[in-house]
Protein backbone atom coordinates (compact mmCIF):
# COMPACT_ATOMS: atom_id res chain seq x y z
CA MET A 1 -10.62 5.28 2.09
CA ILE A 2 -8.39 3.69 3.96
CA TYR A 3 -5.78 6.09 4.05
CA GLU A 4 -5.72 9.99 2.70
CA ASP A 5 -3.27 13.00 3.69
CA LYS A 6 -2.01 15.80 1.84
CA TRP A 7 -0.74 14.63 -1.00
CA ILE A 8 -1.38 10.38 -1.45
CA LYS A 9 -4.90 8.44 -1.09
CA ILE A 10 -5.01 4.70 -0.47
CA GLU A 11 -8.22 3.05 -1.61
CA LEU A 12 -8.88 -0.52 -0.62
CA LEU A 13 -9.23 -2.02 -4.68
CA GLU A 14 -9.41 -5.96 -3.75
CA ARG A 15 -9.69 -7.75 -1.20
CA LYS A 16 -8.44 -11.62 -1.33
CA PRO A 17 -8.41 -14.45 1.01
CA LYS A 18 -5.19 -13.44 2.87
CA THR A 19 -4.21 -9.79 1.58
CA GLU A 20 -5.33 -6.83 -0.02
CA VAL A 21 -4.59 -4.41 -2.79
CA TYR A 22 -4.95 -1.33 -2.36
CA GLU A 23 -4.46 1.72 -4.96
CA VAL A 24 -2.46 4.77 -4.57
CA ARG A 25 -3.60 8.05 -6.29
CA SER A 26 -2.28 11.59 -6.21
CA LYS A 27 -4.32 13.99 -4.42
CA TYR A 28 -3.82 16.58 -6.77
CA SER A 29 -4.54 14.55 -9.91
CA ASP A 30 -6.43 12.33 -8.79
CA CYS A 31 -4.68 9.94 -11.23
CA PRO A 32 -3.03 6.71 -10.76
CA ILE A 33 0.16 6.20 -9.39
CA GLY A 34 0.56 1.98 -8.17
CA LEU A 35 -0.21 -0.59 -5.81
CA VAL A 36 0.72 -2.02 -2.67
CA HIS A 37 -0.21 -5.98 -3.37
CA TRP A 38 1.06 -8.76 -1.12
CA TYR A 39 4.21 -9.80 -2.89
CA PRO A 40 4.69 -13.70 -2.58
CA SER A 41 8.17 -13.85 -3.30
CA TRP A 42 9.09 -11.33 -0.47
CA ARG A 43 6.29 -12.29 1.67
CA HIS A 44 5.62 -8.58 2.54
CA TYR A 45 3.48 -5.59 1.08
CA THR A 46 5.32 -3.99 -1.35
CA PHE A 47 4.49 -0.61 -3.84
CA GLU A 48 4.73 -1.15 -7.70
CA PRO A 49 4.84 1.64 -9.21
CA LEU A 50 2.07 2.22 -12.70
CA THR A 51 4.09 2.17 -15.76
CA ASP A 52 1.93 4.53 -17.80
CA TYR A 53 2.66 7.83 -16.35
CA LYS A 54 5.58 9.26 -15.33
CA ILE A 55 5.86 9.48 -11.00
CA GLU A 56 7.67 11.71 -9.16
CA LEU A 57 7.11 11.43 -5.32
CA SER A 58 8.94 13.78 -2.81
CA ASP A 59 9.86 13.05 0.59
CA ARG A 60 6.77 13.32 2.02
CA CYS A 61 4.85 11.38 -0.32
CA LEU A 62 7.71 8.51 -0.04
CA PHE A 63 7.62 8.77 3.73
CA ALA A 64 3.99 8.80 3.99
CA LEU A 65 3.76 5.37 1.40
CA GLY A 66 6.45 3.93 3.46
CA SER A 67 4.66 4.29 6.17
CA PHE A 68 1.24 3.04 4.97
CA VAL A 69 3.03 -0.09 3.80
CA MET A 70 5.30 -0.93 7.04
CA GLN A 71 1.98 -0.27 8.84
CA LEU A 72 0.61 -3.44 6.36
CA ASN A 73 3.42 -5.75 7.27
CA SER A 74 3.17 -5.25 10.80
CA GLU A 75 -0.46 -5.61 10.51
CA HIS A 76 0.27 -9.10 8.21
CA THR A 77 2.92 -10.48 10.83
CA PHE A 78 0.25 -10.18 14.09
CA LYS A 79 -2.45 -11.80 12.57
CA LEU A 80 -0.23 -14.52 10.86
CA GLN A 81 1.46 -15.31 15.01
CA TYR A 82 -2.34 -14.65 16.29
CA GLU A 83 -3.64 -17.45 13.73
CA LYS A 84 -0.40 -19.43 14.67
CA HIS A 85 -0.65 -18.97 18.69
CA GLY A 86 -4.09 -18.40 19.69
C-alpha cells in the first residue's frame, strides 16, 4: 500500500525504469477508479480515470488524489535535479 485514507487507496501497480504506475481504488467498493502514471507529453504524473465505470469523486477524494499526484511530481523533479547536479 502506497497511500490510503478514508475514501481511496493507491497501490503501486508497475515500476518502470524511471517512473511508476499506481492504481487508485475506492475503499468503499474496492473497485478501480483509475491510474496515476507518467504522461510524457506533459512531463508530469497524471490521473487517468477508468472509462468502464461511472466515477464520482467528492472534494475530499479529489484533494487526496491531487495531493498524491503533486507529491509524485515534486519527488520526480527533485530526483531529476539530484541526478543532474549530483
